[in-house]
Amino acid sequence: MKKKNYVYMLIAIPAFVLFFIFHTYPALQGIFYSFTDWKGYGDWNFVGLKNYFNVFKDERALDAYGFTFKFAIISTILVNIFSLLVAMGLNAKIKFQKTLRAIYFLPYILSILIVGFIFNFIFTHFLPGIGESLGIEFLAKNILGDPKLAWLGIVLVAVWQSVAFNTILYLAGLVTISEDLYEAASIDGAGVWRKFWSITFPLIAPFFTINMVLAMKNFLMVFDQIIALTGGGPGTSTESISLLIYRGGFEGGEFAYQSANAVIYFIVIVVISIIQLKFLEKREAES
């Protein structure tokens, strides 16, 4: 046992050291600088909680929070609806089932930035060209250039790519449900809708919880899709918190201020995730 423990320690310690150097230490350093006025260069002084108070007075930061929450909530709902529908379809006895599963998973393995640039071309040139040819006014318009519609393009791309991963999780839950339950329900006269609400959904509730929490967390940290599609524009209409922290901290000389913003946002994400888990786990117990 001592030899095994020694081997385990030899494996674990290097991983722990690397994790601490490249993750934990920078995080602690960021928290430290959030209490200073450091610009990312030069000297610095302690300012206490000033940066934290200023975040709540910053209209640009508040707008970014508003956009991020709107985007995350809508995208989370859409992703879980579509991925559950796709998973149920792929779980049915259909031809080319394995092939279709592989095709639906392809978007997830593609680079987010590459996908974003492709859709940028589609929204900017391809669709407007088709719209002009067919005389469809809405299609002829580049929605990424409209402050009121640009967020829809980001939602579409994010949902399209994220559905794949959530579908795999739902499929993992659906295959655990015995066919005997559906056969017994059919004998009792239950329809498709009744089977879904009385059998399928209650039995995949743990997978629903996982998908909701992971999707919300990932969408709250949206960054790559915005960079590739709009760059935060037009103006700052699609600027997320992650993008604001990056730009202000590394390009705008607001390293300490945006570090405080990052700490606040980390706390927000943790609180939202805990609330989701508590609420959804309570619902699991009731069902």
C-alpha atoms as a PDB file:
ATOM      1  CA  MET A   1       0.000   0.000   0.000  1.00  0.00           C
ATOM      2  CA  LYS A   2       2.852   2.372   0.791  1.00  0.00           C
ATOM      3  CA  LYS A   3       4.406   1.741  -2.612  1.00  0.00           C
ATOM      4  CA  LYS A   4       1.028   2.386  -4.304  1.00  0.00           C
ATOM      5  CA  ASN A   5       0.542   5.604  -2.345  1.00  0.00           C
ATOM      6  CA  TYR A   6       4.051   6.686  -3.335  1.00  0.00           C
ATOM      7  CA  VAL A   7       3.244   6.091  -7.014  1.00  0.00           C
ATOM      8  CA  TYR A   8      -0.050   7.984  -6.703  1.00  0.00           C
ATOM      9  CA  MET A   9       1.762  10.926  -5.105  1.00  0.00           C
ATOM     10  CA  LEU A  10       4.356  10.987  -7.890  1.00  0.00           C
ATOM     11  CA  ILE A  11       1.522  11.200 -10.405  1.00  0.00           C
ATOM     12  CA  ALA A  12      -0.623  13.711  -8.506  1.00  0.00           C
ATOM     13  CA  ILE A  13       2.034  16.192  -7.310  1.00  0.00           C
ATOM     14  CA  PRO A  14       3.250  17.349 -10.783  1.00  0.00           C
ATOM     15  CA  ALA A  15      -0.361  17.808 -11.900  1.00  0.00           C
ATOM     16  CA  PHE A  16      -1.140  19.766  -8.728  1.00  0.00           C
ATOM     17  CA  VAL A  17       1.929  21.988  -9.191  1.00  0.00           C
ATOM     18  CA  LEU A  18       1.049  22.751 -12.810  1.00  0.00           C
ATOM     19  CA  PHE A  19      -2.586  23.464 -11.868  1.00  0.00           C
ATOM     20  CA  PHE A  20      -1.484  25.798  -9.089  1.00  0.00           C
ATOM     21  CA  ILE A  21       1.021  27.673 -11.271  1.00  0.00           C
ATOM     22  CA  PHE A  22      -1.239  28.179 -14.291  1.00  0.00           C
ATOM     23  CA  HIS A  23      -4.656  28.403 -12.593  1.00  0.00           C
ATOM     24  CA  THR A  24      -4.755  28.973  -8.841  1.00  0.00           C
ATOM     25  CA  TYR A  25      -1.846  31.410  -8.536  1.00  0.00           C
ATOM     26  CA  PRO A  26      -3.047  33.719 -11.375  1.00  0.00           C
ATOM     27  CA  ALA A  27      -6.544  33.679  -9.848  1.00  0.00           C
ATOM     28  CA  LEU A  28      -5.201  34.634  -6.418  1.00  0.00           C
ATOM     29  CA  GLN A  29      -3.021  37.291  -8.041  1.00  0.00           C
ATOM     30  CA  GLY A  30      -6.064  38.737  -9.793  1.00  0.00           C
ATOM     31  CA  ILE A  31      -7.992  38.899  -6.528  1.00  0.00           C
ATOM     32  CA  PHE A  32      -5.033  40.676  -4.913  1.00  0.00           C
ATOM     33  CA  TYR A  33      -4.768  43.280  -7.673  1.00  0.00           C
ATOM     34  CA  SER A  34      -8.524  43.908  -7.513  1.00  0.00           C
ATOM     35  CA  PHE A  35      -7.859  45.836  -4.305  1.00  0.00           C
ATOM     36  CA  THR A  36      -5.287  48.078  -5.993  1.00  0.00           C
ATOM     37  CA  ASP A  37      -5.183  50.676  -8.762  1.00  0.00           C
ATOM     38  CA  TRP A  38      -2.717  48.760 -10.934  1.00  0.00           C
ATOM     39  CA  LYS A  39      -3.091  49.395 -14.661  1.00  0.00           C
ATOM     40  CA  GLY A  40      -1.215  46.282 -15.724  1.00  0.00           C
ATOM     41  CA  TYR A  41       2.109  48.100 -15.670  1.00  0.00           C
ATOM     42  CA  GLY A  42       4.019  50.495 -13.426  1.00  0.00           C
ATOM     43  CA  ASP A  43       3.430  51.120  -9.735  1.00  0.00           C
ATOM     44  CA  TRP A  44       0.265  50.481  -7.773  1.00  0.00           C
ATOM     45  CA  ASN A  45      -1.425  51.464  -4.523  1.00  0.00           C
ATOM     46  CA  PHE A  46      -4.089  49.820  -2.393  1.00  0.00           C
ATOM     47  CA  VAL A  47      -7.556  51.306  -2.884  1.00  0.00           C
ATOM     48  CA  GLY A  48      -9.600  48.837  -0.844  1.00  0.00           C
ATOM     49  CA  LEU A  49     -13.111  48.119  -2.162  1.00  0.00           C
ATOM     50  CA  LYS A  50     -13.183  51.154  -4.462  1.00  0.00           C
ATOM     51  CA  ASN A  51     -13.000  49.056  -7.650  1.00  0.00           C
ATOM     52  CA  TYR A  52     -15.872  46.852  -6.479  1.00  0.00           C
ATOM     53  CA  PHE A  53     -18.111  49.843  -5.742  1.00  0.00           C
ATOM     54  CA  ASN A  54     -17.246  51.426  -9.088  1.00  0.00           C
ATOM     55  CA  VAL A  55     -18.416  48.330 -10.982  1.00  0.00           C
ATOM     56  CA  PHE A  56     -21.975  48.913  -9.751  1.00  0.00           C
ATOM     57  CA  LYS A  57     -21.782  52.542 -10.920  1.00  0.00           C
ATOM     58  CA  ASP A  58     -20.442  51.685 -14.375  1.00  0.00           C
ATOM     59  CA  GLU A  59     -23.263  51.848 -16.959  1.00  0.00           C
ATOM     60  CA  ARG A  60     -21.194  49.970 -19.526  1.00  0.00           C
ATOM     61  CA  ALA A  61     -20.615  47.109 -17.073  1.00  0.00           C
ATOM     62  CA  LEU A  62     -24.301  47.020 -16.120  1.00  0.00           C
ATOM     63  CA  ASP A  63     -25.308  46.924 -19.804  1.00  0.00           C
ATOM     64  CA  ALA A  64     -22.853  44.061 -20.336  1.00  0.00           C
ATOM     65  CA  TYR A  65     -24.371  42.182 -17.396  1.00  0.00           C
ATOM     66  CA  GLY A  66     -27.850  42.742 -18.827  1.00  0.00           C
ATOM     67  CA  PHE A  67     -26.875  41.485 -22.283  1.00  0.00           C
ATOM     68  CA  THR A  68     -25.024  38.472 -20.865  1.00  0.00           C
ATOM     69  CA  PHE A  69     -27.936  37.391 -18.655  1.00  0.00           C
ATOM     70  CA  LYS A  70     -30.439  37.810 -21.520  1.00  0.00           C
ATOM     71  CA  PHE A  71     -28.230  35.839 -23.881  1.00  0.00           C
ATOM     72  CA  ALA A  72     -27.500  33.070 -21.329  1.00  0.00           C
ATOM     73  CA  ILE A  73     -31.124  32.565 -20.270  1.00  0.00           C
ATOM     74  CA  ILE A  74     -32.542  32.441 -23.801  1.00  0.00           C
ATOM     75  CA  SER A  75     -29.714  30.241 -25.116  1.00  0.00           C
ATOM     76  CA  THR A  76     -29.961  27.822 -22.181  1.00  0.00           C
ATOM     77  CA  ILE A  77     -33.692  27.351 -22.711  1.00  0.00           C
ATOM     78  CA  LEU A  78     -33.364  26.888 -26.488  1.00  0.00           C
ATOM     79  CA  VAL A  79     -30.415  24.496 -26.220  1.00  0.00           C
ATOM     80  CA  ASN A  80     -32.203  22.220 -23.764  1.00  0.00           C
ATOM     81  CA  ILE A  81     -35.426  22.185 -25.804  1.00  0.00           C
ATOM     82  CA  PHE A  82     -33.697  21.367 -29.102  1.00  0.00           C
ATOM     83  CA  SER A  83     -31.174  18.925 -27.651  1.00  0.00           C
ATOM     84  CA  LEU A  84     -33.909  16.972 -25.847  1.00  0.00           C
ATOM     85  CA  LEU A  85     -35.996  16.773 -29.031  1.00  0.00           C
ATOM     86  CA  VAL A  86     -32.984  15.674 -31.083  1.00  0.00           C
ATOM     87  CA  ALA A  87     -31.980  13.124 -28.430  1.00  0.00           C
ATOM     88  CA  MET A  88     -35.461  11.612 -28.382  1.00  0.00           C
ATOM     89  CA  GLY A  89     -35.409  11.393 -32.175  1.00  0.00           C
ATOM     90  CA  LEU A  90     -31.985   9.763 -32.231  1.00  0.00           C
ATOM     91  CA  ASN A  91     -33.016   7.354 -29.474  1.00  0.00           C
ATOM     92  CA  ALA A  92     -35.944   6.093 -31.539  1.00  0.00           C
ATOM     93  CA  LYS A  93     -35.666   3.034 -33.753  1.00  0.00           C
ATOM     94  CA  ILE A  94     -34.691   4.731 -36.997  1.00  0.00           C
ATOM     95  CA  LYS A  95     -32.382   3.905 -39.886  1.00  0.00           C
ATOM     96  CA  PHE A  96     -28.805   5.225 -39.891  1.00  0.00           C
ATOM     97  CA  GLN A  97     -29.092   5.934 -36.156  1.00  0.00           C
ATOM     98  CA  LYS A  98     -25.332   5.817 -35.445  1.00  0.00           C
ATOM     99  CA  THR A  99     -24.518   7.871 -38.531  1.00  0.00           C
ATOM    100  CA  LEU A 100     -27.004  10.568 -37.548  1.00  0.00           C
ATOM    101  CA  ARG A 101     -25.595  10.673 -34.018  1.00  0.00           C
ATOM    102  CA  ALA A 102     -22.124  11.294 -35.427  1.00  0.00           C
ATOM    103  CA  ILE A 103     -23.428  14.014 -37.773  1.00  0.00           C
ATOM    104  CA  TYR A 104     -25.258  15.827 -34.975  1.00  0.00           C
ATOM    105  CA  PHE A 105     -22.120  15.769 -32.814  1.00  0.00           C
ATOM    106  CA  LEU A 106     -19.866  17.273 -35.518  1.00  0.00           C
ATOM    107  CA  PRO A 107     -20.598  20.954 -34.676  1.00  0.00           C
ATOM    108  CA  TYR A 108     -19.277  20.468 -31.140  1.00  0.00           C
ATOM    109  CA  ILE A 109     -15.821  19.301 -32.251  1.00  0.00           C
ATOM    110  CA  LEU A 110     -15.352  22.285 -34.567  1.00  0.00           C
ATOM    111  CA  SER A 111     -13.483  25.352 -33.344  1.00  0.00           C
ATOM    112  CA  ILE A 112     -15.843  27.997 -31.951  1.00  0.00           C
ATOM    113  CA  LEU A 113     -13.910  30.766 -33.693  1.00  0.00           C
ATOM    114  CA  ILE A 114     -13.939  28.976 -37.062  1.00  0.00           C
ATOM    115  CA  VAL A 115     -17.683  28.361 -36.771  1.00  0.00           C
ATOM    116  CA  GLY A 116     -18.163  31.998 -35.788  1.00  0.00           C
ATOM    117  CA  PHE A 117     -16.216  33.303 -38.795  1.00  0.00           C
ATOM    118  CA  ILE A 118     -18.183  31.028 -41.151  1.00  0.00           C
ATOM    119  CA  PHE A 119     -21.506  32.269 -39.782  1.00  0.00           C
ATOM    120  CA  ASN A 120     -20.178  35.828 -39.942  1.00  0.00           C
ATOM    121  CA  PHE A 121     -19.752  35.365 -43.693  1.00  0.00           C
ATOM    122  CA  ILE A 122     -23.213  33.765 -43.937  1.00  0.00           C
ATOM    123  CA  PHE A 123     -24.933  36.626 -42.083  1.00  0.00           C
ATOM    124  CA  THR A 124     -22.899  39.371 -43.777  1.00  0.00           C
ATOM    125  CA  HIS A 125     -22.759  38.223 -47.419  1.00  0.00           C
ATOM    126  CA  PHE A 126     -24.514  34.920 -48.142  1.00  0.00           C
ATOM    127  CA  LEU A 127     -27.988  35.530 -46.670  1.00  0.00           C
ATOM    128  CA  PRO A 128     -28.213  39.211 -47.761  1.00  0.00           C
ATOM    129  CA  GLY A 129     -27.281  38.114 -51.301  1.00  0.00           C
ATOM    130  CA  ILE A 130     -30.084  35.533 -51.329  1.00  0.00           C
ATOM    131  CA  GLY A 131     -32.479  38.049 -49.795  1.00  0.00           C
ATOM    132  CA  GLU A 132     -31.747  40.622 -52.485  1.00  0.00           C
ATOM    133  CA  SER A 133     -32.158  38.025 -55.240  1.00  0.00           C
ATOM    134  CA  LEU A 134     -35.510  36.833 -53.908  1.00  0.00           C
ATOM    135  CA  GLY A 135     -36.704  40.280 -52.846  1.00  0.00           C
ATOM    136  CA  ILE A 136     -37.019  39.321 -49.184  1.00  0.00           C
ATOM    137  CA  GLU A 137     -36.323  42.503 -47.238  1.00  0.00           C
ATOM    138  CA  PHE A 138     -35.631  40.913 -43.844  1.00  0.00           C
ATOM    139  CA  LEU A 139     -33.206  38.370 -45.314  1.00  0.00           C
ATOM    140  CA  ALA A 140     -31.391  41.061 -47.308  1.00  0.00           C
ATOM    141  CA  LYS A 141     -30.431  42.809 -44.092  1.00  0.00           C
ATOM    142  CA  ASN A 142     -27.202  42.012 -42.238  1.00  0.00           C
ATOM    143  CA  ILE A 143     -28.521  41.391 -38.729  1.00  0.00           C
ATOM    144  CA  LEU A 144     -25.008  41.577 -37.245  1.00  0.00           C
ATOM    145  CA  GLY A 145     -24.932  45.252 -38.204  1.00  0.00           C
ATOM    146  CA  ASP A 146     -28.181  46.021 -36.393  1.00  0.00           C
ATOM    147  CA  PRO A 147     -27.823  46.820 -32.653  1.00  0.00           C
ATOM    148  CA  LYS A 148     -31.292  45.399 -31.988  1.00  0.00           C
ATOM    149  CA  LEU A 149     -30.852  42.145 -33.940  1.00  0.00           C
ATOM    150  CA  ALA A 150     -27.143  41.300 -33.658  1.00  0.00           C
ATOM    151  CA  TRP A 151     -27.663  39.290 -30.460  1.00  0.00           C
ATOM    152  CA  LEU A 152     -30.014  36.937 -32.333  1.00  0.00           C
ATOM    153  CA  GLY A 153     -27.172  35.897 -34.628  1.00  0.00           C
ATOM    154  CA  ILE A 154     -24.966  35.115 -31.631  1.00  0.00           C
ATOM    155  CA  VAL A 155     -27.750  33.092 -30.003  1.00  0.00           C
ATOM    156  CA  LEU A 156     -28.316  31.111 -33.210  1.00  0.00           C
ATOM    157  CA  VAL A 157     -24.633  30.192 -33.570  1.00  0.00           C
ATOM    158  CA  ALA A 158     -24.152  29.389 -29.871  1.00  0.00           C
ATOM    159  CA  VAL A 159     -27.266  27.214 -29.740  1.00  0.00           C
ATOM    160  CA  TRP A 160     -26.444  25.427 -33.006  1.00  0.00           C
ATOM    161  CA  GLN A 161     -23.020  24.414 -31.742  1.00  0.00           C
ATOM    162  CA  SER A 162     -23.993  23.638 -28.148  1.00  0.00           C
ATOM    163  CA  VAL A 163     -26.944  21.375 -28.963  1.00  0.00           C
ATOM    164  CA  ALA A 164     -24.541  18.549 -29.852  1.00  0.00           C
ATOM    165  CA  PHE A 165     -23.022  18.149 -26.377  1.00  0.00           C
ATOM    166  CA  ASN A 166     -26.343  18.434 -24.552  1.00  0.00           C
ATOM    167  CA  THR A 167     -27.862  15.898 -26.938  1.00  0.00           C
ATOM    168  CA  ILE A 168     -25.196  13.343 -25.975  1.00  0.00           C
ATOM    169  CA  LEU A 169     -26.003  13.841 -22.278  1.00  0.00           C
ATOM    170  CA  TYR A 170     -29.734  13.430 -22.880  1.00  0.00           C
ATOM    171  CA  LEU A 171     -29.074  10.319 -24.964  1.00  0.00           C
ATOM    172  CA  ALA A 172     -27.097   8.879 -22.058  1.00  0.00           C
ATOM    173  CA  GLY A 173     -30.179   9.384 -19.888  1.00  0.00           C
ATOM    174  CA  LEU A 174     -32.686   8.056 -22.403  1.00  0.00           C
ATOM    175  CA  VAL A 175     -30.871   4.741 -22.898  1.00  0.00           C
ATOM    176  CA  THR A 176     -31.236   4.020 -19.167  1.00  0.00           C
ATOM    177  CA  ILE A 177     -35.058   3.949 -19.457  1.00  0.00           C
ATOM    178  CA  SER A 178     -36.465   0.458 -19.895  1.00  0.00           C
ATOM    179  CA  GLU A 179     -38.773  -0.169 -22.865  1.00  0.00           C
ATOM    180  CA  ASP A 180     -41.012  -2.161 -20.525  1.00  0.00           C
ATOM    181  CA  LEU A 181     -42.194   1.075 -18.930  1.00  0.00           C
ATOM    182  CA  TYR A 182     -43.368   2.450 -22.275  1.00  0.00           C
ATOM    183  CA  GLU A 183     -45.049  -0.841 -23.170  1.00  0.00           C
ATOM    184  CA  ALA A 184     -46.903  -0.872 -19.848  1.00  0.00           C
ATOM    185  CA  ALA A 185     -47.949   2.741 -20.389  1.00  0.00           C
ATOM    186  CA  SER A 186     -49.230   1.913 -23.886  1.00  0.00           C
ATOM    187  CA  ILE A 187     -51.312  -0.925 -22.479  1.00  0.00           C
ATOM    188  CA  ASP A 188     -52.830   1.544 -19.989  1.00  0.00           C
ATOM    189  CA  GLY A 189     -53.746   3.822 -22.888  1.00  0.00           C
ATOM    190  CA  ALA A 190     -51.125   6.517 -22.349  1.00  0.00           C
ATOM    191  CA  GLY A 191     -50.353   8.726 -25.327  1.00  0.00           C
ATOM    192  CA  VAL A 192     -47.010  10.153 -26.457  1.00  0.00           C
ATOM    193  CA  TRP A 193     -47.396  13.317 -24.362  1.00  0.00           C
ATOM    194  CA  ARG A 194     -48.389  11.383 -21.221  1.00  0.00           C
ATOM    195  CA  LYS A 195     -45.433   9.003 -21.659  1.00  0.00           C
ATOM    196  CA  PHE A 196     -43.084  11.949 -21.918  1.00  0.00           C
ATOM    197  CA  TRP A 197     -44.304  13.741 -18.773  1.00  0.00           C
ATOM    198  CA  SER A 198     -44.884  10.629 -16.663  1.00  0.00           C
ATOM    199  CA  ILE A 199     -41.944   8.450 -17.711  1.00  0.00           C
ATOM    200  CA  THR A 200     -39.299  10.119 -19.870  1.00  0.00           C
ATOM    201  CA  PHE A 201     -38.887  13.502 -18.233  1.00  0.00           C
ATOM    202  CA  PRO A 202     -38.940  12.327 -14.576  1.00  0.00           C
ATOM    203  CA  LEU A 203     -36.374   9.591 -15.293  1.00  0.00           C
ATOM    204  CA  ILE A 204     -33.955  11.909 -17.102  1.00  0.00           C
ATOM    205  CA  ALA A 205     -34.354  14.672 -14.495  1.00  0.00           C
ATOM    206  CA  PRO A 206     -30.729  14.308 -13.256  1.00  0.00           C
ATOM    207  CA  PHE A 207     -29.476  14.756 -16.829  1.00  0.00           C
ATOM    208  CA  PHE A 208     -31.765  17.770 -17.253  1.00  0.00           C
ATOM    209  CA  THR A 209     -30.209  19.294 -14.127  1.00  0.00           C
ATOM    210  CA  ILE A 210     -26.674  18.721 -15.420  1.00  0.00           C
ATOM    211  CA  ASN A 211     -27.511  20.195 -18.821  1.00  0.00           C
ATOM    212  CA  MET A 212     -29.199  23.279 -17.388  1.00  0.00           C
ATOM    213  CA  VAL A 213     -26.314  24.077 -15.028  1.00  0.00           C
ATOM    214  CA  LEU A 214     -23.554  23.442 -17.581  1.00  0.00           C
ATOM    215  CA  ALA A 215     -25.354  25.316 -20.361  1.00  0.00           C
ATOM    216  CA  MET A 216     -26.040  28.343 -18.179  1.00  0.00           C
ATOM    217  CA  LYS A 217     -22.458  28.418 -16.899  1.00  0.00           C
ATOM    218  CA  ASN A 218     -20.996  28.163 -20.401  1.00  0.00           C
ATOM    219  CA  PHE A 219     -23.294  30.792 -21.882  1.00  0.00           C
ATOM    220  CA  LEU A 220     -22.609  33.207 -19.039  1.00  0.00           C
ATOM    221  CA  MET A 221     -18.937  33.050 -20.031  1.00  0.00           C
ATOM    222  CA  VAL A 222     -19.647  33.632 -23.745  1.00  0.00           C
ATOM    223  CA  PHE A 223     -16.631  35.140 -25.491  1.00  0.00           C
ATOM    224  CA  ASP A 224     -15.448  33.405 -28.677  1.00  0.00           C
ATOM    225  CA  GLN A 225     -18.752  33.628 -30.558  1.00  0.00           C
ATOM    226  CA  ILE A 226     -18.951  37.362 -29.914  1.00  0.00           C
ATOM    227  CA  ILE A 227     -15.352  37.939 -30.981  1.00  0.00           C
ATOM    228  CA  ALA A 228     -15.922  36.083 -34.262  1.00  0.00           C
ATOM    229  CA  LEU A 229     -19.361  37.502 -35.084  1.00  0.00           C
ATOM    230  CA  THR A 230     -19.644  41.086 -33.850  1.00  0.00           C
ATOM    231  CA  GLY A 231     -16.619  41.966 -31.735  1.00  0.00           C
ATOM    232  CA  GLY A 232     -19.057  43.313 -29.172  1.00  0.00           C
ATOM    233  CA  GLY A 233     -20.750  45.650 -31.628  1.00  0.00           C
ATOM    234  CA  PRO A 234     -22.470  47.423 -33.143  1.00  0.00           C
ATOM    235  CA  GLY A 235     -21.213  49.842 -30.514  1.00  0.00           C
ATOM    236  CA  THR A 236     -21.381  47.861 -27.281  1.00  0.00           C
ATOM    237  CA  SER A 237     -24.776  46.248 -27.922  1.00  0.00           C
ATOM    238  CA  THR A 238     -23.388  42.681 -27.824  1.00  0.00           C
ATOM    239  CA  GLU A 239     -20.563  43.189 -25.359  1.00  0.00           C
ATOM    240  CA  SER A 240     -20.525  40.398 -22.768  1.00  0.00           C
ATOM    241  CA  ILE A 241     -18.923  40.554 -19.339  1.00  0.00           C
ATOM    242  CA  SER A 242     -16.060  38.284 -20.415  1.00  0.00           C
ATOM    243  CA  LEU A 243     -15.324  40.513 -23.405  1.00  0.00           C
ATOM    244  CA  LEU A 244     -15.542  43.661 -21.285  1.00  0.00           C
ATOM    245  CA  ILE A 245     -13.135  42.226 -18.701  1.00  0.00           C
ATOM    246  CA  TYR A 246     -10.689  41.182 -21.427  1.00  0.00           C
ATOM    247  CA  ARG A 247     -10.759  44.493 -23.260  1.00  0.00           C
ATOM    248  CA  GLY A 248     -10.671  46.704 -20.203  1.00  0.00           C
ATOM    249  CA  GLY A 249      -8.034  44.635 -18.443  1.00  0.00           C
ATOM    250  CA  PHE A 250      -5.615  43.972 -21.287  1.00  0.00           C
ATOM    251  CA  GLU A 251      -6.332  46.789 -23.740  1.00  0.00           C
ATOM    252  CA  GLY A 252      -7.766  49.626 -21.667  1.00  0.00           C
ATOM    253  CA  GLY A 253      -5.349  49.897 -18.747  1.00  0.00           C
ATOM    254  CA  GLU A 254      -8.042  48.813 -16.245  1.00  0.00           C
ATOM    255  CA  PHE A 255      -6.385  45.643 -14.995  1.00  0.00           C
ATOM    256  CA  ALA A 256      -7.231  46.136 -11.320  1.00  0.00           C
ATOM    257  CA  TYR A 257     -10.741  47.424 -11.995  1.00  0.00           C
ATOM    258  CA  GLN A 258     -11.602  44.573 -14.342  1.00  0.00           C
ATOM    259  CA  SER A 259     -10.054  42.109 -11.882  1.00  0.00           C
ATOM    260  CA  ALA A 260     -12.649  43.296  -9.375  1.00  0.00           C
ATOM    261  CA  ASN A 261     -15.311  42.898 -12.067  1.00  0.00           C
ATOM    262  CA  ALA A 262     -14.071  39.348 -12.701  1.00  0.00           C
ATOM    263  CA  VAL A 263     -14.268  38.480  -8.993  1.00  0.00           C
ATOM    264  CA  ILE A 264     -17.839  39.801  -8.829  1.00  0.00           C
ATOM    265  CA  TYR A 265     -18.777  37.850 -11.936  1.00  0.00           C
ATOM    266  CA  PHE A 266     -17.218  34.663 -10.563  1.00  0.00           C
ATOM    267  CA  ILE A 267     -19.359  35.023  -7.444  1.00  0.00           C
ATOM    268  CA  VAL A 268     -22.453  35.659  -9.599  1.00  0.00           C
ATOM    269  CA  ILE A 269     -21.851  32.495 -11.646  1.00  0.00           C
ATOM    270  CA  VAL A 270     -21.284  30.402  -8.511  1.00  0.00           C
ATOM    271  CA  VAL A 271     -24.457  31.740  -6.875  1.00  0.00           C
ATOM    272  CA  ILE A 272     -26.546  31.123 -10.015  1.00  0.00           C
ATOM    273  CA  SER A 273     -25.177  27.576 -10.330  1.00  0.00           C
ATOM    274  CA  ILE A 274     -25.939  26.799  -6.671  1.00  0.00           C
ATOM    275  CA  ILE A 275     -29.482  28.181  -6.984  1.00  0.00           C
ATOM    276  CA  GLN A 276     -30.031  26.097 -10.125  1.00  0.00           C
ATOM    277  CA  LEU A 277     -28.752  22.946  -8.437  1.00  0.00           C
ATOM    278  CA  LYS A 278     -30.873  23.460  -5.309  1.00  0.00           C
ATOM    279  CA  PHE A 279     -34.047  24.201  -7.270  1.00  0.00           C
ATOM    280  CA  LEU A 280     -33.625  21.440  -9.855  1.00  0.00           C
ATOM    281  CA  GLU A 281     -32.557  18.819  -7.300  1.00  0.00           C
ATOM    282  CA  LYS A 282     -35.627  19.686  -5.238  1.00  0.00           C
ATOM    283  CA  ARG A 283     -37.732  19.189  -8.341  1.00  0.00           C
ATOM    284  CA  GLU A 284     -36.031  15.809  -8.937  1.00  0.00           C
ATOM    285  CA  ALA A 285     -36.970  14.689  -5.424  1.00  0.00           C
ATOM    286  CA  GLU A 286     -40.593  15.775  -5.923  1.00  0.00           C
ATOM    287  CA  SER A 287     -40.883  13.930  -9.223  1.00  0.00           C
END
